[in-house]
Amino acid sequence: MRVLLQRTKSASVTIDGEITGEIPFGLCLLVGFTHTDTRKRN
C-alpha cells in the first residue's frame, strides 16, 4: 500500500468522464492498494 498526502489549490476525481468529487482547496489523499497487500505489518 502507498499513501500520498498533498496540499492542493484544487482537486477533482473523474470516473468515465464524469466528475464525482471535487474540492476548491485543501488536502488530497491518494491511496493505492494491490492484490499482495495484507494486514501484516513489516
N, C-alpha and C. Protein backbone atom coordinates (compact mmCIF):
# COMPACT_ATOMS: atom_id res chain seq x y z
N MET A 1 0.85 -1.17 0.00
CA MET A 1 0.00 0.00 0.00
C MET A 1 0.90 1.24 0.00
N ARG A 2 0.49 2.24 -0.75
CA ARG A 2 1.19 3.51 -0.80
C ARG A 2 0.18 4.62 -0.51
N VAL A 3 0.62 5.63 0.22
CA VAL A 3 -0.24 6.76 0.55
C VAL A 3 0.51 8.05 0.26
N LEU A 4 -0.16 8.99 -0.36
CA LEU A 4 0.42 10.30 -0.65
C LEU A 4 -0.56 11.36 -0.17
N LEU A 5 -0.10 12.25 0.71
CA LEU A 5 -0.90 13.37 1.19
C LEU A 5 -0.31 14.64 0.60
N GLN A 6 -1.16 15.41 -0.07
CA GLN A 6 -0.67 16.58 -0.77
C GLN A 6 -1.61 17.77 -0.54
N ARG A 7 -1.02 18.92 -0.23
CA ARG A 7 -1.80 20.16 -0.13
C ARG A 7 -2.09 20.62 -1.55
N THR A 8 -3.31 21.10 -1.78
CA THR A 8 -3.70 21.44 -3.15
C THR A 8 -4.52 22.72 -3.23
N LYS A 9 -4.42 23.40 -4.35
CA LYS A 9 -5.26 24.57 -4.61
C LYS A 9 -6.62 24.14 -5.15
N SER A 10 -6.66 22.99 -5.81
CA SER A 10 -7.92 22.40 -6.29
C SER A 10 -7.66 20.94 -6.63
N ALA A 11 -8.70 20.13 -6.54
CA ALA A 11 -8.58 18.70 -6.87
C ALA A 11 -9.94 18.17 -7.27
N SER A 12 -9.93 17.15 -8.14
CA SER A 12 -11.18 16.53 -8.54
C SER A 12 -10.93 15.06 -8.88
N VAL A 13 -12.01 14.28 -8.81
CA VAL A 13 -11.98 12.86 -9.17
C VAL A 13 -12.94 12.69 -10.34
N THR A 14 -12.43 12.10 -11.44
CA THR A 14 -13.24 11.89 -12.63
C THR A 14 -13.31 10.39 -12.93
N ILE A 15 -14.52 9.88 -13.10
CA ILE A 15 -14.74 8.48 -13.45
C ILE A 15 -15.59 8.44 -14.71
N ASP A 16 -15.08 7.78 -15.74
CA ASP A 16 -15.77 7.68 -17.03
C ASP A 16 -16.18 9.06 -17.56
N GLY A 17 -15.30 10.05 -17.41
CA GLY A 17 -15.55 11.38 -17.93
C GLY A 17 -16.47 12.24 -17.08
N GLU A 18 -16.94 11.73 -15.94
CA GLU A 18 -17.86 12.48 -15.07
C GLU A 18 -17.16 12.80 -13.75
N ILE A 19 -17.19 14.07 -13.35
CA ILE A 19 -16.58 14.46 -12.07
C ILE A 19 -17.47 13.95 -10.94
N THR A 20 -16.88 13.11 -10.07
CA THR A 20 -17.64 12.53 -8.96
C THR A 20 -17.33 13.20 -7.63
N GLY A 21 -16.29 14.01 -7.59
CA GLY A 21 -15.96 14.76 -6.38
C GLY A 21 -14.93 15.82 -6.69
N GLU A 22 -15.01 16.94 -5.97
CA GLU A 22 -14.02 17.99 -6.17
C GLU A 22 -13.97 18.89 -4.95
N ILE A 23 -12.81 19.53 -4.74
CA ILE A 23 -12.62 20.50 -3.67
C ILE A 23 -11.90 21.71 -4.25
N PRO A 24 -12.20 22.92 -3.74
CA PRO A 24 -11.52 24.11 -4.25
C PRO A 24 -10.10 24.26 -3.69
N PHE A 25 -9.86 23.81 -2.46
CA PHE A 25 -8.53 23.85 -1.84
C PHE A 25 -8.55 22.91 -0.65
N GLY A 26 -7.38 22.52 -0.18
CA GLY A 26 -7.31 21.65 1.00
C GLY A 26 -6.26 20.57 0.83
N LEU A 27 -6.60 19.36 1.29
CA LEU A 27 -5.70 18.23 1.24
C LEU A 27 -6.25 17.15 0.31
N CYS A 28 -5.37 16.58 -0.48
CA CYS A 28 -5.73 15.49 -1.39
C CYS A 28 -4.98 14.25 -0.91
N LEU A 29 -5.69 13.19 -0.59
CA LEU A 29 -5.10 11.94 -0.12
C LEU A 29 -5.26 10.89 -1.21
N LEU A 30 -4.14 10.41 -1.75
CA LEU A 30 -4.15 9.36 -2.77
C LEU A 30 -3.69 8.07 -2.12
N VAL A 31 -4.49 7.01 -2.26
CA VAL A 31 -4.18 5.72 -1.64
C VAL A 31 -4.21 4.64 -2.72
N GLY A 32 -3.15 3.81 -2.75
CA GLY A 32 -3.09 2.73 -3.72
C GLY A 32 -2.91 1.38 -3.04
N PHE A 33 -3.69 0.39 -3.46
CA PHE A 33 -3.62 -0.97 -2.93
C PHE A 33 -3.32 -1.92 -4.08
N THR A 34 -2.77 -3.07 -3.74
CA THR A 34 -2.54 -4.12 -4.73
C THR A 34 -2.96 -5.46 -4.13
N HIS A 35 -3.04 -6.48 -4.97
CA HIS A 35 -3.50 -7.79 -4.53
C HIS A 35 -2.56 -8.44 -3.51
N THR A 36 -1.31 -8.00 -3.43
CA THR A 36 -0.37 -8.59 -2.46
C THR A 36 -0.39 -7.90 -1.10
N ASP A 37 -1.16 -6.83 -0.94
CA ASP A 37 -1.27 -6.15 0.35
C ASP A 37 -2.03 -7.02 1.35
N THR A 38 -1.53 -7.06 2.59
CA THR A 38 -2.19 -7.81 3.66
C THR A 38 -2.24 -6.93 4.90
N ARG A 39 -2.87 -7.43 5.97
CA ARG A 39 -2.93 -6.71 7.23
C ARG A 39 -1.61 -6.81 8.01
N LYS A 40 -0.75 -7.73 7.62
CA LYS A 40 0.52 -7.94 8.32
C LYS A 40 1.43 -6.73 8.14
N ARG A 41 2.01 -6.26 9.26
CA ARG A 41 2.96 -5.14 9.22
C ARG A 41 4.37 -5.66 9.14
N ASN A 42 5.23 -4.93 8.45
CA ASN A 42 6.64 -5.31 8.32
C ASN A 42 7.44 -4.77 9.48
